[in-house]
Amino acid sequence: MGGSSFVCCAVAAFHHLQGPVCEWAHPINAVSPETLHQAANLALPDGIHNLSDEKVFFSLSTAEQQGGASEGSEDVNRASSGEILYGCAFFSQVTPTFFLPHNS
C-alpha cells in the first residue's frame, strides 16, 4: 500500500433483492469487487434496520486479486491480497416525514 493508511471510501446500501451492495467507491480500483461486496455485508449487518442510527466497526481480509494491474494505472488494486483492512460504517434511517413538503 505504499505506507498509506487510507485505502478506499465506499458507500453501501441495502437493495431489497440483492441485499447489501456497494453503490460507490473511491478510488474505484483500490480493492477487488469481492472485497467491496464483503465490506458491504459487514457494514450493514442483520437487524440494523431496527435501529434509528448506529456505528459499525469491522475488519476484513482482502480477496485474492484477479489478474494484474494494467500499465499506467497506479491505483489499480492498491490493497495487497490477504491484507487486513479496518472499516467503520455509519448508519442512519430517514423518516418518511423528511420527504414531505414543508408548509410555510
PDB file of N, CA and C in Angstrom:
ATOM      1  N   MET A   1       0.797  -1.193   0.000  1.00  0.00           N
ATOM      2  CA  MET A   1       0.000   0.000   0.000  1.00  0.00           C
ATOM      3  C   MET A   1       0.840   1.258   0.000  1.00  0.00           C
ATOM      4  N   GLY A   2       2.125   1.130   0.054  1.00  0.00           N
ATOM      5  CA  GLY A   2       2.989   2.291  -0.044  1.00  0.00           C
ATOM      6  C   GLY A   2       2.979   3.166   1.189  1.00  0.00           C
ATOM      7  N   GLY A   3       2.679   2.634   2.374  1.00  0.00           N
ATOM      8  CA  GLY A   3       2.716   3.403   3.593  1.00  0.00           C
ATOM      9  C   GLY A   3       1.463   4.215   3.870  1.00  0.00           C
ATOM     10  N   SER A   4       0.496   4.205   2.971  1.00  0.00           N
ATOM     11  CA  SER A   4      -0.740   4.949   3.176  1.00  0.00           C
ATOM     12  C   SER A   4      -1.657   4.179   4.109  1.00  0.00           C
ATOM     13  N   SER A   5      -2.307   4.886   5.033  1.00  0.00           N
ATOM     14  CA  SER A   5      -3.228   4.210   5.932  1.00  0.00           C
ATOM     15  C   SER A   5      -4.663   4.274   5.413  1.00  0.00           C
ATOM     16  N   PHE A   6      -4.926   5.024   4.367  1.00  0.00           N
ATOM     17  CA  PHE A   6      -6.245   5.110   3.757  1.00  0.00           C
ATOM     18  C   PHE A   6      -6.240   4.333   2.449  1.00  0.00           C
ATOM     19  N   VAL A   7      -7.183   3.416   2.291  1.00  0.00           N
ATOM     20  CA  VAL A   7      -7.245   2.620   1.073  1.00  0.00           C
ATOM     21  C   VAL A   7      -8.421   3.030   0.204  1.00  0.00           C
ATOM     22  N   CYS A   8      -9.605   3.139   0.804  1.00  0.00           N
ATOM     23  CA  CYS A   8     -10.799   3.341  -0.003  1.00  0.00           C
ATOM     24  C   CYS A   8     -11.927   3.919   0.843  1.00  0.00           C
ATOM     25  N   CYS A   9     -12.781   4.700   0.219  1.00  0.00           N
ATOM     26  CA  CYS A   9     -14.024   5.174   0.833  1.00  0.00           C
ATOM     27  C   CYS A   9     -15.158   4.614  -0.021  1.00  0.00           C
ATOM     28  N   ALA A  10     -16.146   3.988   0.617  1.00  0.00           N
ATOM     29  CA  ALA A  10     -17.229   3.356  -0.134  1.00  0.00           C
ATOM     30  C   ALA A  10     -18.571   3.667   0.502  1.00  0.00           C
ATOM     31  N   VAL A  11     -19.632   3.595  -0.319  1.00  0.00           N
ATOM     32  CA  VAL A  11     -21.000   3.774   0.145  1.00  0.00           C
ATOM     33  C   VAL A  11     -21.731   2.461  -0.082  1.00  0.00           C
ATOM     34  N   ALA A  12     -22.277   1.900   1.004  1.00  0.00           N
ATOM     35  CA  ALA A  12     -23.038   0.661   0.922  1.00  0.00           C
ATOM     36  C   ALA A  12     -24.505   0.972   1.141  1.00  0.00           C
ATOM     37  N   ALA A  13     -25.360   0.216   0.486  1.00  0.00           N
ATOM     38  CA  ALA A  13     -26.802   0.383   0.639  1.00  0.00           C
ATOM     39  C   ALA A  13     -27.447  -0.988   0.647  1.00  0.00           C
ATOM     40  N   PHE A  14     -28.680  -1.035   1.131  1.00  0.00           N
ATOM     41  CA  PHE A  14     -29.404  -2.299   1.140  1.00  0.00           C
ATOM     42  C   PHE A  14     -30.375  -2.321  -0.029  1.00  0.00           C
ATOM     43  N   HIS A  15     -30.183  -3.286  -0.923  1.00  0.00           N
ATOM     44  CA  HIS A  15     -31.065  -3.480  -2.071  1.00  0.00           C
ATOM     45  C   HIS A  15     -32.046  -4.583  -1.699  1.00  0.00           C
ATOM     46  N   HIS A  16     -33.338  -4.367  -1.926  1.00  0.00           N
ATOM     47  CA  HIS A  16     -34.344  -5.312  -1.450  1.00  0.00           C
ATOM     48  C   HIS A  16     -34.259  -6.694  -2.105  1.00  0.00           C
ATOM     49  N   LEU A  17     -33.618  -6.823  -3.247  1.00  0.00           N
ATOM     50  CA  LEU A  17     -33.454  -8.130  -3.890  1.00  0.00           C
ATOM     51  C   LEU A  17     -32.042  -8.700  -3.735  1.00  0.00           C
ATOM     52  N   GLN A  18     -31.030  -7.832  -3.719  1.00  0.00           N
ATOM     53  CA  GLN A  18     -29.639  -8.277  -3.695  1.00  0.00           C
ATOM     54  C   GLN A  18     -29.008  -8.238  -2.313  1.00  0.00           C
ATOM     55  N   GLY A  19     -29.654  -7.594  -1.343  1.00  0.00           N
ATOM     56  CA  GLY A  19     -29.062  -7.444  -0.017  1.00  0.00           C
ATOM     57  C   GLY A  19     -28.080  -6.279  -0.003  1.00  0.00           C
ATOM     58  N   PRO A  20     -27.097  -6.295   0.902  1.00  0.00           N
ATOM     59  CA  PRO A  20     -26.121  -5.199   0.955  1.00  0.00           C
ATOM     60  C   PRO A  20     -25.281  -5.132  -0.324  1.00  0.00           C
ATOM     61  N   VAL A  21     -25.174  -3.945  -0.894  1.00  0.00           N
ATOM     62  CA  VAL A  21     -24.384  -3.736  -2.112  1.00  0.00           C
ATOM     63  C   VAL A  21     -23.530  -2.487  -1.944  1.00  0.00           C
ATOM     64  N   CYS A  22     -22.406  -2.452  -2.636  1.00  0.00           N
ATOM     65  CA  CYS A  22     -21.564  -1.266  -2.672  1.00  0.00           C
ATOM     66  C   CYS A  22     -22.043  -0.404  -3.835  1.00  0.00           C
ATOM     67  N   GLU A  23     -22.538   0.789  -3.526  1.00  0.00           N
ATOM     68  CA  GLU A  23     -23.045   1.686  -4.563  1.00  0.00           C
ATOM     69  C   GLU A  23     -21.966   2.565  -5.171  1.00  0.00           C
ATOM     70  N   TRP A  24     -20.934   2.872  -4.403  1.00  0.00           N
ATOM     71  CA  TRP A  24     -19.917   3.814  -4.860  1.00  0.00           C
ATOM     72  C   TRP A  24     -18.635   3.548  -4.094  1.00  0.00           C
ATOM     73  N   ALA A  25     -17.494   3.694  -4.739  1.00  0.00           N
ATOM     74  CA  ALA A  25     -16.190   3.565  -4.075  1.00  0.00           C
ATOM     75  C   ALA A  25     -15.193   4.495  -4.747  1.00  0.00           C
ATOM     76  N   HIS A  26     -14.285   5.044  -3.941  1.00  0.00           N
ATOM     77  CA  HIS A  26     -13.221   5.899  -4.479  1.00  0.00           C
ATOM     78  C   HIS A  26     -11.930   5.629  -3.728  1.00  0.00           C
ATOM     79  N   PRO A  27     -10.836   5.403  -4.374  1.00  0.00           N
ATOM     80  CA  PRO A  27     -10.722   5.139  -5.805  1.00  0.00           C
ATOM     81  C   PRO A  27     -11.363   3.792  -6.137  1.00  0.00           C
ATOM     82  N   ILE A  28     -11.948   3.736  -7.301  1.00  0.00           N
ATOM     83  CA  ILE A  28     -12.765   2.586  -7.689  1.00  0.00           C
ATOM     84  C   ILE A  28     -11.970   1.281  -7.720  1.00  0.00           C
ATOM     85  N   ASN A  29     -10.703   1.331  -8.067  1.00  0.00           N
ATOM     86  CA  ASN A  29      -9.903   0.108  -8.189  1.00  0.00           C
ATOM     87  C   ASN A  29      -8.973  -0.130  -7.012  1.00  0.00           C
ATOM     88  N   ALA A  30      -9.274   0.458  -5.856  1.00  0.00           N
ATOM     89  CA  ALA A  30      -8.391   0.296  -4.698  1.00  0.00           C
ATOM     90  C   ALA A  30      -8.441  -1.126  -4.154  1.00  0.00           C
ATOM     91  N   VAL A  31      -9.596  -1.757  -4.225  1.00  0.00           N
ATOM     92  CA  VAL A  31      -9.758  -3.139  -3.769  1.00  0.00           C
ATOM     93  C   VAL A  31     -10.593  -3.890  -4.799  1.00  0.00           C
ATOM     94  N   SER A  32     -10.580  -5.207  -4.707  1.00  0.00           N
ATOM     95  CA  SER A  32     -11.315  -6.021  -5.669  1.00  0.00           C
ATOM     96  C   SER A  32     -12.819  -5.928  -5.425  1.00  0.00           C
ATOM     97  N   PRO A  33     -13.634  -6.243  -6.432  1.00  0.00           N
ATOM     98  CA  PRO A  33     -15.089  -6.255  -6.245  1.00  0.00           C
ATOM     99  C   PRO A  33     -15.527  -7.217  -5.134  1.00  0.00           C
ATOM    100  N   GLU A  34     -14.820  -8.325  -4.980  1.00  0.00           N
ATOM    101  CA  GLU A  34     -15.151  -9.281  -3.917  1.00  0.00           C
ATOM    102  C   GLU A  34     -14.956  -8.654  -2.539  1.00  0.00           C
ATOM    103  N   THR A  35     -13.900  -7.867  -2.371  1.00  0.00           N
ATOM    104  CA  THR A  35     -13.640  -7.196  -1.102  1.00  0.00           C
ATOM    105  C   THR A  35     -14.700  -6.136  -0.834  1.00  0.00           C
ATOM    106  N   LEU A  36     -15.113  -5.389  -1.863  1.00  0.00           N
ATOM    107  CA  LEU A  36     -16.180  -4.398  -1.696  1.00  0.00           C
ATOM    108  C   LEU A  36     -17.489  -5.064  -1.294  1.00  0.00           C
ATOM    109  N   HIS A  37     -17.794  -6.216  -1.880  1.00  0.00           N
ATOM    110  CA  HIS A  37     -19.010  -6.956  -1.533  1.00  0.00           C
ATOM    111  C   HIS A  37     -18.954  -7.417  -0.075  1.00  0.00           C
ATOM    112  N   GLN A  38     -17.801  -7.909   0.329  1.00  0.00           N
ATOM    113  CA  GLN A  38     -17.622  -8.353   1.714  1.00  0.00           C
ATOM    114  C   GLN A  38     -17.756  -7.164   2.674  1.00  0.00           C
ATOM    115  N   ALA A  39     -17.196  -6.024   2.323  1.00  0.00           N
ATOM    116  CA  ALA A  39     -17.287  -4.830   3.164  1.00  0.00           C
ATOM    117  C   ALA A  39     -18.734  -4.362   3.289  1.00  0.00           C
ATOM    118  N   ALA A  40     -19.509  -4.420   2.201  1.00  0.00           N
ATOM    119  CA  ALA A  40     -20.917  -4.019   2.257  1.00  0.00           C
ATOM    120  C   ALA A  40     -21.695  -4.919   3.211  1.00  0.00           C
ATOM    121  N   ASN A  41     -21.413  -6.212   3.192  1.00  0.00           N
ATOM    122  CA  ASN A  41     -22.082  -7.144   4.101  1.00  0.00           C
ATOM    123  C   ASN A  41     -21.735  -6.848   5.552  1.00  0.00           C
ATOM    124  N   LEU A  42     -20.496  -6.488   5.827  1.00  0.00           N
ATOM    125  CA  LEU A  42     -20.087  -6.190   7.196  1.00  0.00           C
ATOM    126  C   LEU A  42     -20.587  -4.825   7.656  1.00  0.00           C
ATOM    127  N   ALA A  43     -20.702  -3.878   6.738  1.00  0.00           N
ATOM    128  CA  ALA A  43     -21.137  -2.529   7.091  1.00  0.00           C
ATOM    129  C   ALA A  43     -22.630  -2.473   7.406  1.00  0.00           C
ATOM    130  N   LEU A  44     -23.403  -3.381   6.842  1.00  0.00           N
ATOM    131  CA  LEU A  44     -24.855  -3.415   7.063  1.00  0.00           C
ATOM    132  C   LEU A  44     -25.253  -4.775   7.638  1.00  0.00           C
ATOM    133  N   PRO A  45     -24.969  -5.025   8.910  1.00  0.00           N
ATOM    134  CA  PRO A  45     -25.268  -6.330   9.484  1.00  0.00           C
ATOM    135  C   PRO A  45     -26.775  -6.567   9.646  1.00  0.00           C
ATOM    136  N   ASP A  46     -27.156  -7.829   9.807  1.00  0.00           N
ATOM    137  CA  ASP A  46     -28.557  -8.194  10.011  1.00  0.00           C
ATOM    138  C   ASP A  46     -29.138  -7.435  11.200  1.00  0.00           C
ATOM    139  N   GLY A  47     -30.357  -6.980  11.052  1.00  0.00           N
ATOM    140  CA  GLY A  47     -31.066  -6.327  12.138  1.00  0.00           C
ATOM    141  C   GLY A  47     -30.779  -4.855  12.318  1.00  0.00           C
ATOM    142  N   ILE A  48     -29.878  -4.289  11.544  1.00  0.00           N
ATOM    143  CA  ILE A  48     -29.546  -2.872  11.727  1.00  0.00           C
ATOM    144  C   ILE A  48     -30.719  -1.969  11.346  1.00  0.00           C
ATOM    145  N   HIS A  49     -31.639  -2.482  10.528  1.00  0.00           N
ATOM    146  CA  HIS A  49     -32.801  -1.687  10.141  1.00  0.00           C
ATOM    147  C   HIS A  49     -33.749  -1.442  11.318  1.00  0.00           C
ATOM    148  N   ASN A  50     -33.568  -2.161  12.418  1.00  0.00           N
ATOM    149  CA  ASN A  50     -34.396  -1.962  13.603  1.00  0.00           C
ATOM    150  C   ASN A  50     -33.926  -0.784  14.465  1.00  0.00           C
ATOM    151  N   LEU A  51     -32.815  -0.173  14.096  1.00  0.00           N
ATOM    152  CA  LEU A  51     -32.250   0.942  14.850  1.00  0.00           C
ATOM    153  C   LEU A  51     -32.397   2.234  14.054  1.00  0.00           C
ATOM    154  N   SER A  52     -32.457   3.373  14.754  1.00  0.00           N
ATOM    155  CA  SER A  52     -32.570   4.650  14.045  1.00  0.00           C
ATOM    156  C   SER A  52     -31.222   5.123  13.520  1.00  0.00           C
ATOM    157  N   ASP A  53     -30.152   4.889  14.286  1.00  0.00           N
ATOM    158  CA  ASP A  53     -28.803   5.180  13.806  1.00  0.00           C
ATOM    159  C   ASP A  53     -27.815   4.330  14.602  1.00  0.00           C
ATOM    160  N   GLU A  54     -26.694   4.031  13.982  1.00  0.00           N
ATOM    161  CA  GLU A  54     -25.726   3.123  14.601  1.00  0.00           C
ATOM    162  C   GLU A  54     -24.376   3.291  13.921  1.00  0.00           C
ATOM    163  N   LYS A  55     -23.332   2.907  14.652  1.00  0.00           N
ATOM    164  CA  LYS A  55     -21.966   2.848  14.118  1.00  0.00           C
ATOM    165  C   LYS A  55     -21.526   1.395  14.145  1.00  0.00           C
ATOM    166  N   VAL A  56     -20.826   0.968  13.101  1.00  0.00           N
ATOM    167  CA  VAL A  56     -20.335  -0.404  12.995  1.00  0.00           C
ATOM    168  C   VAL A  56     -18.845  -0.337  12.689  1.00  0.00           C
ATOM    169  N   PHE A  57     -18.049  -1.052  13.459  1.00  0.00           N
ATOM    170  CA  PHE A  57     -16.609  -1.158  13.213  1.00  0.00           C
ATOM    171  C   PHE A  57     -16.315  -2.597  12.824  1.00  0.00           C
ATOM    172  N   PHE A  58     -15.493  -2.797  11.783  1.00  0.00           N
ATOM    173  CA  PHE A  58     -15.235  -4.144  11.306  1.00  0.00           C
ATOM    174  C   PHE A  58     -13.837  -4.254  10.714  1.00  0.00           C
ATOM    175  N   SER A  59     -13.399  -5.477  10.522  1.00  0.00           N
ATOM    176  CA  SER A  59     -12.141  -5.747   9.819  1.00  0.00           C
ATOM    177  C   SER A  59     -12.394  -6.870   8.828  1.00  0.00           C
ATOM    178  N   LEU A  60     -11.640  -6.877   7.746  1.00  0.00           N
ATOM    179  CA  LEU A  60     -11.775  -7.915   6.740  1.00  0.00           C
ATOM    180  C   LEU A  60     -10.452  -8.140   6.042  1.00  0.00           C
ATOM    181  N   SER A  61     -10.309  -9.312   5.498  1.00  0.00           N
ATOM    182  CA  SER A  61      -9.117  -9.659   4.731  1.00  0.00           C
ATOM    183  C   SER A  61      -9.435  -9.460   3.254  1.00  0.00           C
ATOM    184  N   THR A  62      -8.545  -8.818   2.524  1.00  0.00           N
ATOM    185  CA  THR A  62      -8.795  -8.557   1.107  1.00  0.00           C
ATOM    186  C   THR A  62      -8.833  -9.856   0.332  1.00  0.00           C
ATOM    187  N   ALA A  63      -9.654  -9.881  -0.712  1.00  0.00           N
ATOM    188  CA  ALA A  63      -9.820 -11.067  -1.550  1.00  0.00           C
ATOM    189  C   ALA A  63      -8.621 -11.231  -2.479  1.00  0.00           C
ATOM    190  N   GLU A  64      -8.455 -12.436  -2.982  1.00  0.00           N
ATOM    191  CA  GLU A  64      -7.407 -12.696  -3.970  1.00  0.00           C
ATOM    192  C   GLU A  64      -7.681 -11.868  -5.216  1.00  0.00           C
ATOM    193  N   GLN A  65      -6.656 -11.253  -5.761  1.00  0.00           N
ATOM    194  CA  GLN A  65      -6.799 -10.395  -6.937  1.00  0.00           C
ATOM    195  C   GLN A  65      -6.849 -11.239  -8.197  1.00  0.00           C
ATOM    196  N   GLN A  66      -7.687 -10.839  -9.136  1.00  0.00           N
ATOM    197  CA  GLN A  66      -7.793 -11.493 -10.425  1.00  0.00           C
ATOM    198  C   GLN A  66      -6.976 -10.705 -11.436  1.00  0.00           C
ATOM    199  N   GLY A  67      -5.947 -11.298 -11.988  1.00  0.00           N
ATOM    200  CA  GLY A  67      -5.112 -10.610 -12.971  1.00  0.00           C
ATOM    201  C   GLY A  67      -4.206  -9.600 -12.306  1.00  0.00           C
ATOM    202  N   GLY A  68      -3.583  -8.761 -13.091  1.00  0.00           N
ATOM    203  CA  GLY A  68      -2.662  -7.767 -12.559  1.00  0.00           C
ATOM    204  C   GLY A  68      -3.109  -6.368 -12.892  1.00  0.00           C
ATOM    205  N   ALA A  69      -2.382  -5.419 -12.405  1.00  0.00           N
ATOM    206  CA  ALA A  69      -2.685  -4.019 -12.690  1.00  0.00           C
ATOM    207  C   ALA A  69      -2.331  -3.714 -14.135  1.00  0.00           C
ATOM    208  N   SER A  70      -3.151  -2.898 -14.768  1.00  0.00           N
ATOM    209  CA  SER A  70      -2.871  -2.532 -16.149  1.00  0.00           C
ATOM    210  C   SER A  70      -1.763  -1.484 -16.182  1.00  0.00           C
ATOM    211  N   GLU A  71      -1.083  -1.400 -17.315  1.00  0.00           N
ATOM    212  CA  GLU A  71       0.008  -0.454 -17.464  1.00  0.00           C
ATOM    213  C   GLU A  71      -0.504   0.973 -17.335  1.00  0.00           C
ATOM    214  N   GLY A  72       0.230   1.810 -16.626  1.00  0.00           N
ATOM    215  CA  GLY A  72      -0.123   3.207 -16.490  1.00  0.00           C
ATOM    216  C   GLY A  72      -1.191   3.479 -15.447  1.00  0.00           C
ATOM    217  N   SER A  73      -1.657   2.450 -14.758  1.00  0.00           N
ATOM    218  CA  SER A  73      -2.690   2.640 -13.733  1.00  0.00           C
ATOM    219  C   SER A  73      -2.060   2.419 -12.372  1.00  0.00           C
ATOM    220  N   GLU A  74      -1.882   3.509 -11.615  1.00  0.00           N
ATOM    221  CA  GLU A  74      -1.187   3.423 -10.339  1.00  0.00           C
ATOM    222  C   GLU A  74      -2.070   2.934  -9.206  1.00  0.00           C
ATOM    223  N   ASP A  75      -3.408   3.204  -9.288  1.00  0.00           N
ATOM    224  CA  ASP A  75      -4.253   2.887  -8.147  1.00  0.00           C
ATOM    225  C   ASP A  75      -4.996   1.554  -8.271  1.00  0.00           C
ATOM    226  N   VAL A  76      -4.765   0.792  -9.330  1.00  0.00           N
ATOM    227  CA  VAL A  76      -5.471  -0.467  -9.502  1.00  0.00           C
ATOM    228  C   VAL A  76      -5.024  -1.451  -8.435  1.00  0.00           C
ATOM    229  N   ASN A  77      -5.985  -1.959  -7.678  1.00  0.00           N
ATOM    230  CA  ASN A  77      -5.741  -2.954  -6.634  1.00  0.00           C
ATOM    231  C   ASN A  77      -4.605  -2.537  -5.701  1.00  0.00           C
ATOM    232  N   ARG A  78      -4.723  -1.380  -5.096  1.00  0.00           N
ATOM    233  CA  ARG A  78      -3.674  -0.889  -4.206  1.00  0.00           C
ATOM    234  C   ARG A  78      -3.525  -1.756  -2.971  1.00  0.00           C
ATOM    235  N   ALA A  79      -4.619  -2.348  -2.479  1.00  0.00           N
ATOM    236  CA  ALA A  79      -4.528  -3.211  -1.308  1.00  0.00           C
ATOM    237  C   ALA A  79      -3.992  -4.570  -1.735  1.00  0.00           C
ATOM    238  N   SER A  80      -3.027  -5.078  -1.001  1.00  0.00           N
ATOM    239  CA  SER A  80      -2.435  -6.371  -1.324  1.00  0.00           C
ATOM    240  C   SER A  80      -3.394  -7.491  -0.959  1.00  0.00           C
ATOM    241  N   SER A  81      -3.269  -8.597  -1.678  1.00  0.00           N
ATOM    242  CA  SER A  81      -4.104  -9.758  -1.412  1.00  0.00           C
ATOM    243  C   SER A  81      -3.823 -10.313  -0.020  1.00  0.00           C
ATOM    244  N   GLY A  82      -4.884 -10.602   0.732  1.00  0.00           N
ATOM    245  CA  GLY A  82      -4.739 -11.149   2.069  1.00  0.00           C
ATOM    246  C   GLY A  82      -4.444 -10.117   3.136  1.00  0.00           C
ATOM    247  N   GLU A  83      -4.369  -8.855   2.789  1.00  0.00           N
ATOM    248  CA  GLU A  83      -4.097  -7.786   3.745  1.00  0.00           C
ATOM    249  C   GLU A  83      -5.349  -7.540   4.603  1.00  0.00           C
ATOM    250  N   ILE A  84      -5.169  -7.211   5.871  1.00  0.00           N
ATOM    251  CA  ILE A  84      -6.297  -6.921   6.743  1.00  0.00           C
ATOM    252  C   ILE A  84      -6.625  -5.438   6.649  1.00  0.00           C
ATOM    253  N   LEU A  85      -7.891  -5.155   6.356  1.00  0.00           N
ATOM    254  CA  LEU A  85      -8.379  -3.784   6.276  1.00  0.00           C
ATOM    255  C   LEU A  85      -9.348  -3.548   7.421  1.00  0.00           C
ATOM    256  N   TYR A  86      -9.375  -2.335   7.940  1.00  0.00           N
ATOM    257  CA  TYR A  86     -10.271  -1.968   9.025  1.00  0.00           C
ATOM    258  C   TYR A  86     -11.253  -0.937   8.497  1.00  0.00           C
ATOM    259  N   GLY A  87     -12.509  -1.073   8.898  1.00  0.00           N
ATOM    260  CA  GLY A  87     -13.520  -0.153   8.406  1.00  0.00           C
ATOM    261  C   GLY A  87     -14.471   0.293   9.487  1.00  0.00           C
ATOM    262  N   CYS A  88     -15.148   1.379   9.211  1.00  0.00           N
ATOM    263  CA  CYS A  88     -16.221   1.847  10.085  1.00  0.00           C
ATOM    264  C   CYS A  88     -17.371   2.282   9.186  1.00  0.00           C
ATOM    265  N   ALA A  89     -18.582   2.044   9.670  1.00  0.00           N
ATOM    266  CA  ALA A  89     -19.774   2.400   8.916  1.00  0.00           C
ATOM    267  C   ALA A  89     -20.694   3.199   9.825  1.00  0.00           C
ATOM    268  N   PHE A  90     -21.358   4.169   9.254  1.00  0.00           N
ATOM    269  CA  PHE A  90     -22.326   4.984   9.975  1.00  0.00           C
ATOM    270  C   PHE A  90     -23.664   4.813   9.293  1.00  0.00           C
ATOM    271  N   PHE A  91     -24.661   4.420  10.057  1.00  0.00           N
ATOM    272  CA  PHE A  91     -25.976   4.111   9.530  1.00  0.00           C
ATOM    273  C   PHE A  91     -27.000   5.028  10.172  1.00  0.00           C
ATOM    274  N   SER A  92     -27.927   5.561   9.369  1.00  0.00           N
ATOM    275  CA  SER A  92     -28.998   6.387   9.899  1.00  0.00           C
ATOM    276  C   SER A  92     -30.226   6.220   9.023  1.00  0.00           C
ATOM    277  N   GLN A  93     -31.381   6.040   9.652  1.00  0.00           N
ATOM    278  CA  GLN A  93     -32.627   5.929   8.903  1.00  0.00           C
ATOM    279  C   GLN A  93     -33.230   7.316   8.725  1.00  0.00           C
ATOM    280  N   VAL A  94     -33.848   7.527   7.599  1.00  0.00           N
ATOM    281  CA  VAL A  94     -34.531   8.778   7.318  1.00  0.00           C
ATOM    282  C   VAL A  94     -36.027   8.517   7.491  1.00  0.00           C
ATOM    283  N   THR A  95     -36.692   9.348   8.276  1.00  0.00           N
ATOM    284  CA  THR A  95     -38.122   9.175   8.490  1.00  0.00           C
ATOM    285  C   THR A  95     -38.895   9.597   7.245  1.00  0.00           C
ATOM    286  N   PRO A  96     -40.051   8.983   6.984  1.00  0.00           N
ATOM    287  CA  PRO A  96     -40.842   9.356   5.797  1.00  0.00           C
ATOM    288  C   PRO A  96     -41.241  10.827   5.786  1.00  0.00           C
ATOM    289  N   THR A  97     -41.404  11.431   6.957  1.00  0.00           N
ATOM    290  CA  THR A  97     -41.797  12.846   7.005  1.00  0.00           C
ATOM    291  C   THR A  97     -40.714  13.767   6.452  1.00  0.00           C
ATOM    292  N   PHE A  98     -39.483  13.277   6.386  1.00  0.00           N
ATOM    293  CA  PHE A  98     -38.378  14.064   5.829  1.00  0.00           C
ATOM    294  C   PHE A  98     -38.654  14.427   4.369  1.00  0.00           C
ATOM    295  N   PHE A  99     -39.369  13.552   3.658  1.00  0.00           N
ATOM    296  CA  PHE A  99     -39.618  13.747   2.223  1.00  0.00           C
ATOM    297  C   PHE A  99     -40.910  14.517   1.935  1.00  0.00           C
ATOM    298  N   LEU A 100     -41.696  14.808   2.965  1.00  0.00           N
ATOM    299  CA  LEU A 100     -42.925  15.563   2.754  1.00  0.00           C
ATOM    300  C   LEU A 100     -42.620  17.044   2.600  1.00  0.00           C
ATOM    301  N   PRO A 101     -43.375  17.728   1.761  1.00  0.00           N
ATOM    302  CA  PRO A 101     -43.137  19.175   1.607  1.00  0.00           C
ATOM    303  C   PRO A 101     -43.504  19.912   2.887  1.00  0.00           C
ATOM    304  N   HIS A 102     -42.716  20.910   3.213  1.00  0.00           N
ATOM    305  CA  HIS A 102     -42.940  21.708   4.413  1.00  0.00           C
ATOM    306  C   HIS A 102     -43.782  22.924   4.049  1.00  0.00           C
ATOM    307  N   ASN A 103     -44.883  23.114   4.767  1.00  0.00           N
ATOM    308  CA  ASN A 103     -45.720  24.291   4.545  1.00  0.00           C
ATOM    309  C   ASN A 103     -45.187  25.463   5.354  1.00  0.00           C
ATOM    310  N   SER A 104     -45.045  26.609   4.699  1.00  0.00           N
ATOM    311  CA  SER A 104     -44.515  27.791   5.389  1.00  0.00           C
ATOM    312  C   SER A 104     -45.620  28.581   6.022  1.00  0.00           C
TER     313      SER A 104
END
